Amino acid sequence: MAAGAASRWASGEESKPEIAFRLAICLVFVAVCLYRPAVQWLGWRAAQHYVAVPVKMRKLEQEAYPHKGRLQYRYHVEYEYEVDGRGYRSQSRFLVDGMPSEQVHRCLYETLRKARDAQEPIMAWVDPEMPARALLDRKSYDDPVYYVFAGIGMVAFLSAAVYHFLPRPPKPARKTVRRPKRSW
């Protein structure tokens, strides 16, 4: 490192707790944005080991309600299934409110409705270690908005780190202009 080219961290220009706090805020923002996709991914990964069991639909309905001047939908699904001779009842509610997953839930509802109307068997995916946990669809649906915000947080974190830790060129010495003393 050249003389006079100290970073803001080393120079003491800004307090170290303040710099650490700024970096921690950026990392917390990134962690919050990545929490939901991480939980979805872990759930999807665990669901790959679930076993398929036939279910009996008890309730499958679509409820429409007005929201911000347009019609939105909620889907209610209740079903029963049996594992090792023991009966279980499960339910799911999907709130469809303009999120990217809206089409996914609408398609799942339509698939279940068509299978029920055609008297076709409907399968659920059950956790063999905890049979009370079941899914009607074990696909993963990522919402890209979380990744966009996490990317913004990472850019903020990296920018703050570069700003505070990389050496910066020394400031040029200020030239003083000597003015002749005039006695008036």
N, C-alpha and C. Protein backbone atom coordinates (compact mmCIF):
# COMPACT_ATOMS: atom_id res chain seq x y z
N MET A 1 0.85 -1.16 0.00
CA MET A 1 0.00 0.00 0.00
C MET A 1 0.90 1.23 0.00
N ALA A 2 0.60 2.16 -0.83
CA ALA A 2 1.40 3.36 -0.92
C ALA A 2 1.16 4.25 0.29
N ALA A 3 2.15 5.06 0.58
CA ALA A 3 2.01 5.96 1.73
C ALA A 3 0.88 6.94 1.47
N GLY A 4 0.06 7.13 2.47
CA GLY A 4 -1.06 8.06 2.35
C GLY A 4 -2.27 7.48 1.65
N ALA A 5 -2.22 6.19 1.30
CA ALA A 5 -3.33 5.57 0.58
C ALA A 5 -4.08 4.60 1.49
N ALA A 6 -4.37 5.00 2.70
CA ALA A 6 -5.04 4.13 3.66
C ALA A 6 -6.53 4.05 3.35
N SER A 7 -7.12 2.95 3.75
CA SER A 7 -8.57 2.80 3.57
C SER A 7 -9.28 3.59 4.67
N ARG A 8 -10.56 3.78 4.49
CA ARG A 8 -11.34 4.49 5.51
C ARG A 8 -11.34 3.72 6.83
N TRP A 9 -11.28 2.41 6.75
CA TRP A 9 -11.25 1.57 7.95
C TRP A 9 -9.95 1.80 8.72
N ALA A 10 -8.82 1.77 8.00
CA ALA A 10 -7.52 1.90 8.64
C ALA A 10 -7.21 3.33 9.05
N SER A 11 -7.72 4.29 8.31
CA SER A 11 -7.37 5.68 8.59
C SER A 11 -8.10 6.24 9.78
N GLY A 12 -9.20 5.61 10.16
CA GLY A 12 -9.97 6.15 11.28
C GLY A 12 -10.83 7.33 10.88
N GLU A 13 -10.96 7.55 9.56
CA GLU A 13 -11.78 8.65 9.07
C GLU A 13 -13.23 8.49 9.51
N GLU A 14 -13.68 7.24 9.52
CA GLU A 14 -15.02 6.92 10.01
C GLU A 14 -14.87 5.88 11.11
N SER A 15 -15.76 5.89 12.08
CA SER A 15 -15.62 4.96 13.20
C SER A 15 -15.87 3.52 12.74
N LYS A 16 -15.12 2.61 13.31
CA LYS A 16 -15.22 1.20 12.93
C LYS A 16 -16.59 0.62 13.25
N PRO A 17 -17.19 0.93 14.41
CA PRO A 17 -18.54 0.40 14.65
C PRO A 17 -19.56 0.87 13.61
N GLU A 18 -19.43 2.10 13.16
CA GLU A 18 -20.36 2.61 12.15
C GLU A 18 -20.20 1.86 10.82
N ILE A 19 -18.97 1.61 10.44
CA ILE A 19 -18.70 0.86 9.20
C ILE A 19 -19.23 -0.56 9.33
N ALA A 20 -18.94 -1.21 10.47
CA ALA A 20 -19.41 -2.58 10.69
C ALA A 20 -20.94 -2.63 10.69
N PHE A 21 -21.58 -1.62 11.26
CA PHE A 21 -23.05 -1.58 11.28
C PHE A 21 -23.61 -1.48 9.86
N ARG A 22 -23.01 -0.65 9.02
CA ARG A 22 -23.48 -0.51 7.63
C ARG A 22 -23.36 -1.84 6.88
N LEU A 23 -22.23 -2.50 7.06
CA LEU A 23 -22.04 -3.78 6.38
C LEU A 23 -23.00 -4.83 6.91
N ALA A 24 -23.23 -4.83 8.23
CA ALA A 24 -24.16 -5.80 8.82
C ALA A 24 -25.58 -5.57 8.30
N ILE A 25 -25.99 -4.33 8.15
CA ILE A 25 -27.33 -4.03 7.62
C ILE A 25 -27.47 -4.59 6.22
N CYS A 26 -26.45 -4.42 5.39
CA CYS A 26 -26.51 -4.96 4.02
C CYS A 26 -26.62 -6.49 4.05
N LEU A 27 -25.84 -7.14 4.92
CA LEU A 27 -25.89 -8.60 4.98
C LEU A 27 -27.23 -9.10 5.52
N VAL A 28 -27.79 -8.41 6.48
CA VAL A 28 -29.11 -8.80 7.01
C VAL A 28 -30.16 -8.68 5.90
N PHE A 29 -30.09 -7.63 5.10
CA PHE A 29 -31.02 -7.46 3.99
C PHE A 29 -30.91 -8.62 3.00
N VAL A 30 -29.68 -9.01 2.68
CA VAL A 30 -29.47 -10.13 1.76
C VAL A 30 -30.04 -11.41 2.38
N ALA A 31 -29.77 -11.65 3.66
CA ALA A 31 -30.26 -12.86 4.33
C ALA A 31 -31.78 -12.91 4.35
N VAL A 32 -32.41 -11.78 4.62
CA VAL A 32 -33.88 -11.74 4.64
C VAL A 32 -34.44 -12.05 3.25
N CYS A 33 -33.81 -11.51 2.22
CA CYS A 33 -34.29 -11.76 0.86
C CYS A 33 -34.08 -13.20 0.42
N LEU A 34 -33.03 -13.84 0.92
CA LEU A 34 -32.75 -15.22 0.51
C LEU A 34 -33.41 -16.26 1.41
N TYR A 35 -34.02 -15.82 2.51
CA TYR A 35 -34.64 -16.77 3.44
C TYR A 35 -35.77 -17.56 2.78
N ARG A 36 -36.70 -16.87 2.16
CA ARG A 36 -37.86 -17.55 1.55
C ARG A 36 -37.45 -18.52 0.44
N PRO A 37 -36.58 -18.13 -0.51
CA PRO A 37 -36.15 -19.11 -1.51
C PRO A 37 -35.40 -20.30 -0.89
N ALA A 38 -34.63 -20.05 0.17
CA ALA A 38 -33.91 -21.16 0.82
C ALA A 38 -34.88 -22.13 1.46
N VAL A 39 -35.91 -21.61 2.11
CA VAL A 39 -36.93 -22.48 2.73
C VAL A 39 -37.67 -23.27 1.65
N GLN A 40 -38.00 -22.61 0.54
CA GLN A 40 -38.67 -23.31 -0.56
C GLN A 40 -37.78 -24.41 -1.12
N TRP A 41 -36.50 -24.11 -1.31
CA TRP A 41 -35.60 -25.10 -1.86
C TRP A 41 -35.44 -26.28 -0.91
N LEU A 42 -35.30 -26.03 0.38
CA LEU A 42 -35.17 -27.12 1.35
C LEU A 42 -36.43 -27.97 1.38
N GLY A 43 -37.60 -27.32 1.30
CA GLY A 43 -38.86 -28.06 1.26
C GLY A 43 -38.98 -28.90 0.00
N TRP A 44 -38.58 -28.34 -1.14
CA TRP A 44 -38.62 -29.09 -2.40
C TRP A 44 -37.68 -30.28 -2.32
N ARG A 45 -36.49 -30.06 -1.77
CA ARG A 45 -35.52 -31.15 -1.69
C ARG A 45 -36.03 -32.28 -0.78
N ALA A 46 -36.64 -31.92 0.34
CA ALA A 46 -37.19 -32.93 1.24
C ALA A 46 -38.36 -33.66 0.59
N ALA A 47 -39.16 -32.93 -0.19
CA ALA A 47 -40.35 -33.53 -0.81
C ALA A 47 -39.99 -34.56 -1.89
N GLN A 48 -38.78 -34.56 -2.37
CA GLN A 48 -38.38 -35.53 -3.39
C GLN A 48 -38.34 -36.95 -2.82
N HIS A 49 -38.32 -37.08 -1.52
CA HIS A 49 -38.30 -38.39 -0.87
C HIS A 49 -39.67 -38.79 -0.31
N TYR A 50 -40.67 -37.98 -0.54
CA TYR A 50 -42.02 -38.30 -0.09
C TYR A 50 -42.58 -39.43 -0.95
N VAL A 51 -43.56 -40.14 -0.41
CA VAL A 51 -44.19 -41.24 -1.15
C VAL A 51 -45.58 -40.81 -1.59
N ALA A 52 -46.01 -41.35 -2.73
CA ALA A 52 -47.32 -41.01 -3.28
C ALA A 52 -48.39 -41.90 -2.66
N VAL A 53 -49.49 -41.26 -2.26
CA VAL A 53 -50.65 -42.00 -1.74
C VAL A 53 -51.91 -41.40 -2.37
N PRO A 54 -52.91 -42.25 -2.62
CA PRO A 54 -54.16 -41.71 -3.17
C PRO A 54 -54.92 -40.93 -2.11
N VAL A 55 -55.60 -39.89 -2.54
CA VAL A 55 -56.38 -39.05 -1.62
C VAL A 55 -57.84 -39.02 -2.04
N LYS A 56 -58.66 -38.72 -1.08
CA LYS A 56 -60.09 -38.51 -1.34
C LYS A 56 -60.37 -37.03 -1.07
N MET A 57 -60.83 -36.36 -2.11
CA MET A 57 -61.13 -34.93 -1.98
C MET A 57 -62.39 -34.73 -1.16
N ARG A 58 -62.29 -33.92 -0.14
CA ARG A 58 -63.46 -33.57 0.67
C ARG A 58 -64.01 -32.22 0.22
N LYS A 59 -63.12 -31.32 -0.14
CA LYS A 59 -63.55 -29.98 -0.51
C LYS A 59 -62.55 -29.41 -1.51
N LEU A 60 -63.08 -28.84 -2.56
CA LEU A 60 -62.26 -28.18 -3.57
C LEU A 60 -63.09 -27.02 -4.11
N GLU A 61 -62.76 -25.83 -3.67
CA GLU A 61 -63.57 -24.69 -4.10
C GLU A 61 -62.71 -23.47 -4.37
N GLN A 62 -63.27 -22.63 -5.21
CA GLN A 62 -62.64 -21.38 -5.59
C GLN A 62 -63.52 -20.25 -5.07
N GLU A 63 -62.92 -19.34 -4.34
CA GLU A 63 -63.67 -18.22 -3.79
C GLU A 63 -63.16 -16.94 -4.42
N ALA A 64 -64.07 -16.17 -4.99
CA ALA A 64 -63.70 -14.89 -5.61
C ALA A 64 -64.00 -13.76 -4.64
N TYR A 65 -63.14 -12.75 -4.64
CA TYR A 65 -63.37 -11.58 -3.80
C TYR A 65 -62.75 -10.37 -4.50
N PRO A 66 -63.36 -9.19 -4.31
CA PRO A 66 -62.80 -7.99 -4.95
C PRO A 66 -61.62 -7.46 -4.13
N HIS A 67 -60.58 -7.04 -4.85
CA HIS A 67 -59.42 -6.46 -4.20
C HIS A 67 -58.80 -5.41 -5.12
N LYS A 68 -58.76 -4.18 -4.66
CA LYS A 68 -58.20 -3.07 -5.44
C LYS A 68 -58.82 -2.95 -6.82
N GLY A 69 -60.12 -3.08 -6.87
CA GLY A 69 -60.84 -2.88 -8.12
C GLY A 69 -60.82 -4.04 -9.10
N ARG A 70 -60.23 -5.15 -8.72
CA ARG A 70 -60.27 -6.31 -9.62
C ARG A 70 -60.56 -7.57 -8.81
N LEU A 71 -60.95 -8.61 -9.51
CA LEU A 71 -61.37 -9.85 -8.88
C LEU A 71 -60.14 -10.73 -8.59
N GLN A 72 -60.01 -11.17 -7.34
CA GLN A 72 -58.95 -12.07 -6.93
C GLN A 72 -59.58 -13.40 -6.50
N TYR A 73 -58.75 -14.43 -6.33
CA TYR A 73 -59.28 -15.75 -5.99
C TYR A 73 -58.50 -16.36 -4.83
N ARG A 74 -59.23 -17.13 -4.03
CA ARG A 74 -58.64 -18.00 -3.02
C ARG A 74 -59.09 -19.41 -3.35
N TYR A 75 -58.19 -20.35 -3.16
CA TYR A 75 -58.51 -21.74 -3.42
C TYR A 75 -58.43 -22.50 -2.10
N HIS A 76 -59.46 -23.28 -1.81
CA HIS A 76 -59.51 -24.09 -0.60
C HIS A 76 -59.55 -25.56 -1.01
N VAL A 77 -58.65 -26.34 -0.44
CA VAL A 77 -58.57 -27.76 -0.76
C VAL A 77 -58.51 -28.52 0.56
N GLU A 78 -59.41 -29.47 0.74
CA GLU A 78 -59.36 -30.38 1.88
C GLU A 78 -59.40 -31.80 1.34
N TYR A 79 -58.55 -32.65 1.91
CA TYR A 79 -58.49 -34.03 1.42
C TYR A 79 -58.11 -34.96 2.56
N GLU A 80 -58.43 -36.24 2.33
CA GLU A 80 -58.11 -37.29 3.30
C GLU A 80 -57.24 -38.33 2.61
N TYR A 81 -56.40 -38.96 3.41
CA TYR A 81 -55.57 -40.04 2.89
C TYR A 81 -55.25 -40.99 4.03
N GLU A 82 -54.76 -42.15 3.66
CA GLU A 82 -54.46 -43.18 4.64
C GLU A 82 -53.03 -43.68 4.46
N VAL A 83 -52.31 -43.77 5.59
CA VAL A 83 -50.94 -44.27 5.59
C VAL A 83 -50.82 -45.29 6.71
N ASP A 84 -50.40 -46.50 6.37
CA ASP A 84 -50.24 -47.58 7.35
C ASP A 84 -51.52 -47.82 8.17
N GLY A 85 -52.67 -47.75 7.50
CA GLY A 85 -53.94 -48.02 8.16
C GLY A 85 -54.46 -46.88 9.02
N ARG A 86 -53.78 -45.78 9.07
CA ARG A 86 -54.23 -44.64 9.87
C ARG A 86 -54.66 -43.52 8.94
N GLY A 87 -55.80 -42.93 9.23
CA GLY A 87 -56.35 -41.87 8.39
C GLY A 87 -55.83 -40.50 8.77
N TYR A 88 -55.64 -39.65 7.78
CA TYR A 88 -55.17 -38.28 7.98
C TYR A 88 -56.05 -37.35 7.16
N ARG A 89 -56.19 -36.14 7.64
CA ARG A 89 -56.94 -35.11 6.92
C ARG A 89 -56.02 -33.90 6.79
N SER A 90 -56.00 -33.33 5.62
CA SER A 90 -55.14 -32.18 5.39
C SER A 90 -55.91 -31.13 4.62
N GLN A 91 -55.42 -29.91 4.70
CA GLN A 91 -56.04 -28.84 3.93
C GLN A 91 -54.99 -27.86 3.46
N SER A 92 -55.31 -27.20 2.38
CA SER A 92 -54.42 -26.18 1.82
C SER A 92 -55.26 -25.00 1.41
N ARG A 93 -54.70 -23.84 1.59
CA ARG A 93 -55.34 -22.62 1.12
C ARG A 93 -54.32 -21.87 0.29
N PHE A 94 -54.73 -21.47 -0.88
CA PHE A 94 -53.86 -20.70 -1.75
C PHE A 94 -54.47 -19.33 -1.94
N LEU A 95 -53.75 -18.33 -1.57
CA LEU A 95 -54.21 -16.97 -1.79
C LEU A 95 -53.55 -16.47 -3.07
N VAL A 96 -54.36 -16.17 -4.04
CA VAL A 96 -53.85 -15.74 -5.34
C VAL A 96 -54.09 -14.24 -5.43
N ASP A 97 -53.02 -13.47 -5.37
CA ASP A 97 -53.16 -12.02 -5.31
C ASP A 97 -52.19 -11.29 -6.22
N GLY A 98 -51.98 -11.81 -7.39
CA GLY A 98 -51.12 -11.12 -8.34
C GLY A 98 -49.65 -11.46 -8.23
N MET A 99 -49.28 -12.38 -7.38
CA MET A 99 -47.88 -12.78 -7.25
C MET A 99 -47.52 -13.67 -8.44
N PRO A 100 -46.21 -13.85 -8.71
CA PRO A 100 -45.81 -14.71 -9.83
C PRO A 100 -46.31 -16.15 -9.68
N SER A 101 -46.58 -16.61 -8.46
CA SER A 101 -47.05 -17.97 -8.26
C SER A 101 -48.55 -18.10 -8.52
N GLU A 102 -49.22 -17.02 -8.87
CA GLU A 102 -50.67 -17.05 -9.09
C GLU A 102 -51.04 -18.07 -10.16
N GLN A 103 -50.35 -18.08 -11.27
CA GLN A 103 -50.66 -19.01 -12.35
C GLN A 103 -50.44 -20.46 -11.92
N VAL A 104 -49.42 -20.70 -11.11
CA VAL A 104 -49.12 -22.04 -10.62
C VAL A 104 -50.28 -22.58 -9.79
N HIS A 105 -50.78 -21.76 -8.86
CA HIS A 105 -51.89 -22.20 -8.01
C HIS A 105 -53.17 -22.39 -8.81
N ARG A 106 -53.39 -21.52 -9.78
CA ARG A 106 -54.58 -21.64 -10.63
C ARG A 106 -54.51 -22.94 -11.43
N CYS A 107 -53.34 -23.27 -11.96
CA CYS A 107 -53.18 -24.52 -12.72
C CYS A 107 -53.36 -25.74 -11.83
N LEU A 108 -52.84 -25.69 -10.62
CA LEU A 108 -53.01 -26.81 -9.69
C LEU A 108 -54.49 -27.01 -9.37
N TYR A 109 -55.20 -25.92 -9.12
CA TYR A 109 -56.64 -26.01 -8.85
C TYR A 109 -57.36 -26.63 -10.04
N GLU A 110 -57.06 -26.17 -11.25
CA GLU A 110 -57.73 -26.71 -12.44
C GLU A 110 -57.41 -28.19 -12.64
N THR A 111 -56.17 -28.58 -12.39
CA THR A 111 -55.78 -29.99 -12.52
C THR A 111 -56.54 -30.85 -11.52
N LEU A 112 -56.63 -30.38 -10.28
CA LEU A 112 -57.35 -31.14 -9.25
C LEU A 112 -58.84 -31.20 -9.57
N ARG A 113 -59.41 -30.10 -10.05
CA ARG A 113 -60.84 -30.07 -10.38
C ARG A 113 -61.16 -31.04 -11.51
N LYS A 114 -60.34 -31.04 -12.55
CA LYS A 114 -60.57 -31.94 -13.69
C LYS A 114 -60.44 -33.40 -13.26
N ALA A 115 -59.44 -33.71 -12.43
CA ALA A 115 -59.26 -35.09 -11.97
C ALA A 115 -60.43 -35.52 -11.11
N ARG A 116 -60.92 -34.64 -10.26
CA ARG A 116 -62.06 -34.97 -9.41
C ARG A 116 -63.33 -35.19 -10.24
N ASP A 117 -63.58 -34.29 -11.20
CA ASP A 117 -64.77 -34.41 -12.04
C ASP A 117 -64.73 -35.65 -12.92
N ALA A 118 -63.53 -36.08 -13.34
CA ALA A 118 -63.39 -37.26 -14.19
C ALA A 118 -63.26 -38.54 -13.36
N GLN A 119 -63.38 -38.43 -12.05
CA GLN A 119 -63.27 -39.58 -11.14
C GLN A 119 -61.90 -40.26 -11.25
N GLU A 120 -60.87 -39.50 -11.59
CA GLU A 120 -59.51 -40.05 -11.67
C GLU A 120 -58.88 -40.02 -10.29
N PRO A 121 -57.95 -40.93 -10.04
CA PRO A 121 -57.29 -40.90 -8.73
C PRO A 121 -56.39 -39.66 -8.59
N ILE A 122 -56.44 -39.07 -7.42
CA ILE A 122 -55.61 -37.91 -7.13
C ILE A 122 -54.56 -38.35 -6.12
N MET A 123 -53.32 -38.01 -6.39
CA MET A 123 -52.23 -38.44 -5.51
C MET A 123 -51.70 -37.26 -4.71
N ALA A 124 -51.33 -37.56 -3.47
CA ALA A 124 -50.64 -36.59 -2.62
C ALA A 124 -49.28 -37.18 -2.29
N TRP A 125 -48.36 -36.34 -1.95
CA TRP A 125 -47.01 -36.76 -1.59
C TRP A 125 -46.88 -36.62 -0.08
N VAL A 126 -46.61 -37.75 0.59
CA VAL A 126 -46.60 -37.80 2.05
C VAL A 126 -45.19 -38.06 2.56
N ASP A 127 -44.83 -37.34 3.61
CA ASP A 127 -43.55 -37.54 4.28
C ASP A 127 -43.60 -38.86 5.03
N PRO A 128 -42.77 -39.85 4.69
CA PRO A 128 -42.85 -41.15 5.35
C PRO A 128 -42.48 -41.08 6.84
N GLU A 129 -41.69 -40.12 7.23
CA GLU A 129 -41.31 -39.99 8.63
C GLU A 129 -42.36 -39.25 9.45
N MET A 130 -43.15 -38.40 8.81
CA MET A 130 -44.21 -37.65 9.47
C MET A 130 -45.43 -37.66 8.55
N PRO A 131 -46.24 -38.71 8.60
CA PRO A 131 -47.34 -38.86 7.64
C PRO A 131 -48.39 -37.74 7.68
N ALA A 132 -48.42 -36.96 8.73
CA ALA A 132 -49.37 -35.86 8.78
C ALA A 132 -48.98 -34.73 7.83
N ARG A 133 -47.76 -34.74 7.32
CA ARG A 133 -47.29 -33.73 6.38
C ARG A 133 -47.47 -34.26 4.97
N ALA A 134 -48.30 -33.58 4.20
CA ALA A 134 -48.57 -34.02 2.83
C ALA A 134 -48.62 -32.82 1.89
N LEU A 135 -48.31 -33.08 0.64
CA LEU A 135 -48.34 -32.05 -0.40
C LEU A 135 -49.13 -32.57 -1.59
N LEU A 136 -49.86 -31.68 -2.23
CA LEU A 136 -50.54 -32.05 -3.46
C LEU A 136 -49.65 -31.82 -4.67
N ASP A 137 -48.65 -30.99 -4.50
CA ASP A 137 -47.74 -30.67 -5.60
C ASP A 137 -46.36 -30.47 -4.99
N ARG A 138 -45.39 -31.23 -5.45
CA ARG A 138 -44.06 -31.12 -4.84
C ARG A 138 -43.05 -30.42 -5.73
N LYS A 139 -43.54 -29.66 -6.68
CA LYS A 139 -42.64 -28.88 -7.53
C LYS A 139 -42.18 -27.63 -6.79
N SER A 140 -41.08 -27.09 -7.21
CA SER A 140 -40.55 -25.87 -6.62
C SER A 140 -40.91 -24.68 -7.50
N TYR A 141 -41.41 -23.63 -6.86
CA TYR A 141 -41.76 -22.41 -7.59
C TYR A 141 -41.05 -21.25 -6.93
N ASP A 142 -40.05 -20.74 -7.61
CA ASP A 142 -39.29 -19.63 -7.07
C ASP A 142 -39.87 -18.32 -7.55
N ASP A 143 -39.92 -17.38 -6.64
CA ASP A 143 -40.38 -16.04 -6.97
C ASP A 143 -39.13 -15.21 -7.25
N PRO A 144 -38.94 -14.75 -8.49
CA PRO A 144 -37.71 -14.03 -8.83
C PRO A 144 -37.53 -12.71 -8.09
N VAL A 145 -38.59 -12.17 -7.53
CA VAL A 145 -38.48 -10.89 -6.82
C VAL A 145 -37.49 -11.00 -5.66
N TYR A 146 -37.50 -12.15 -4.96
CA TYR A 146 -36.58 -12.32 -3.84
C TYR A 146 -35.13 -12.25 -4.31
N TYR A 147 -34.84 -12.84 -5.44
CA TYR A 147 -33.47 -12.83 -5.96
C TYR A 147 -33.05 -11.44 -6.41
N VAL A 148 -33.97 -10.67 -6.96
CA VAL A 148 -33.67 -9.31 -7.39
C VAL A 148 -33.27 -8.47 -6.17
N PHE A 149 -34.08 -8.54 -5.11
CA PHE A 149 -33.78 -7.77 -3.91
C PHE A 149 -32.49 -8.26 -3.24
N ALA A 150 -32.25 -9.56 -3.25
CA ALA A 150 -31.00 -10.09 -2.69
C ALA A 150 -29.81 -9.59 -3.50
N GLY A 151 -29.96 -9.51 -4.82
CA GLY A 151 -28.90 -8.98 -5.66
C GLY A 151 -28.62 -7.51 -5.36
N ILE A 152 -29.68 -6.74 -5.16
CA ILE A 152 -29.51 -5.33 -4.79
C ILE A 152 -28.77 -5.23 -3.46
N GLY A 153 -29.14 -6.07 -2.51
CA GLY A 153 -28.46 -6.07 -1.21
C GLY A 153 -26.99 -6.45 -1.33
N MET A 154 -26.69 -7.43 -2.20
CA MET A 154 -25.29 -7.83 -2.38
C MET A 154 -24.48 -6.70 -3.03
N VAL A 155 -25.06 -6.01 -4.00
CA VAL A 155 -24.38 -4.88 -4.62
C VAL A 155 -24.12 -3.80 -3.58
N ALA A 156 -25.10 -3.53 -2.72
CA ALA A 156 -24.91 -2.53 -1.66
C ALA A 156 -23.80 -2.98 -0.71
N PHE A 157 -23.79 -4.26 -0.34
CA PHE A 157 -22.76 -4.77 0.57
C PHE A 157 -21.38 -4.66 -0.07
N LEU A 158 -21.23 -5.10 -1.30
CA LEU A 158 -19.93 -5.04 -1.97
C LEU A 158 -19.47 -3.60 -2.19
N SER A 159 -20.41 -2.73 -2.53
CA SER A 159 -20.06 -1.32 -2.71
C SER A 159 -19.57 -0.71 -1.40
N ALA A 160 -20.26 -1.02 -0.31
CA ALA A 160 -19.85 -0.51 1.00
C ALA A 160 -18.49 -1.08 1.39
N ALA A 161 -18.26 -2.35 1.11
CA ALA A 161 -16.96 -2.96 1.44
C ALA A 161 -15.84 -2.32 0.63
N VAL A 162 -16.06 -2.12 -0.66
CA VAL A 162 -15.05 -1.48 -1.50
C VAL A 162 -14.80 -0.06 -1.01
N TYR A 163 -15.85 0.65 -0.71
CA TYR A 163 -15.73 2.05 -0.26
C TYR A 163 -14.93 2.14 1.04
N HIS A 164 -15.16 1.22 1.96
CA HIS A 164 -14.53 1.32 3.27
C HIS A 164 -13.18 0.61 3.38
N PHE A 165 -12.91 -0.42 2.58
CA PHE A 165 -11.72 -1.22 2.80
C PHE A 165 -10.61 -1.06 1.75
N LEU A 166 -10.95 -0.67 0.54
CA LEU A 166 -9.90 -0.51 -0.46
C LEU A 166 -9.14 0.79 -0.24
N PRO A 167 -7.84 0.76 -0.48
CA PRO A 167 -7.09 2.00 -0.32
C PRO A 167 -7.54 3.03 -1.35
N ARG A 168 -7.45 4.25 -0.95
CA ARG A 168 -7.84 5.31 -1.87
C ARG A 168 -6.64 6.21 -2.10
N PRO A 169 -6.59 6.82 -3.25
CA PRO A 169 -5.44 7.68 -3.53
C PRO A 169 -5.42 8.86 -2.56
N PRO A 170 -4.22 9.32 -2.23
CA PRO A 170 -4.14 10.45 -1.31
C PRO A 170 -4.74 11.70 -1.96
N LYS A 171 -5.27 12.53 -1.11
CA LYS A 171 -5.84 13.78 -1.62
C LYS A 171 -4.69 14.69 -2.03
N PRO A 172 -4.83 15.36 -3.14
CA PRO A 172 -3.76 16.27 -3.55
C PRO A 172 -3.65 17.41 -2.56
N ALA A 173 -2.42 17.84 -2.35
CA ALA A 173 -2.21 18.95 -1.42
C ALA A 173 -2.86 20.19 -2.00
N ARG A 174 -3.45 20.94 -1.12
CA ARG A 174 -4.09 22.18 -1.58
C ARG A 174 -3.03 23.24 -1.80
N LYS A 175 -3.12 23.84 -2.90
CA LYS A 175 -2.20 24.94 -3.20
C LYS A 175 -2.73 26.19 -2.54
N THR A 176 -1.85 26.84 -1.87
CA THR A 176 -2.27 28.10 -1.28
C THR A 176 -1.81 29.23 -2.18
N VAL A 177 -2.65 30.10 -2.41
CA VAL A 177 -2.35 31.24 -3.26
C VAL A 177 -1.88 32.36 -2.35
N ARG A 178 -0.70 32.80 -2.59
CA ARG A 178 -0.17 33.91 -1.79
C ARG A 178 -0.57 35.21 -2.46
N ARG A 179 -1.18 35.96 -1.68
CA ARG A 179 -1.57 37.27 -2.20
C ARG A 179 -0.60 38.32 -1.61
N PRO A 180 -0.24 39.16 -2.44
CA PRO A 180 0.68 40.19 -1.93
C PRO A 180 -0.03 41.07 -0.90
N LYS A 181 0.69 41.37 0.12
CA LYS A 181 0.12 42.24 1.14
C LYS A 181 0.12 43.68 0.61
N ARG A 182 -0.99 44.19 0.70
CA ARG A 182 -1.12 45.57 0.24
C ARG A 182 -1.51 46.43 1.42
N SER A 183 -0.88 47.45 1.49
CA SER A 183 -1.27 48.34 2.55
C SER A 183 -2.04 49.49 1.92
N TRP A 184 -3.17 49.60 2.17
CA TRP A 184 -4.03 50.62 1.56
C TRP A 184 -4.19 51.74 2.48
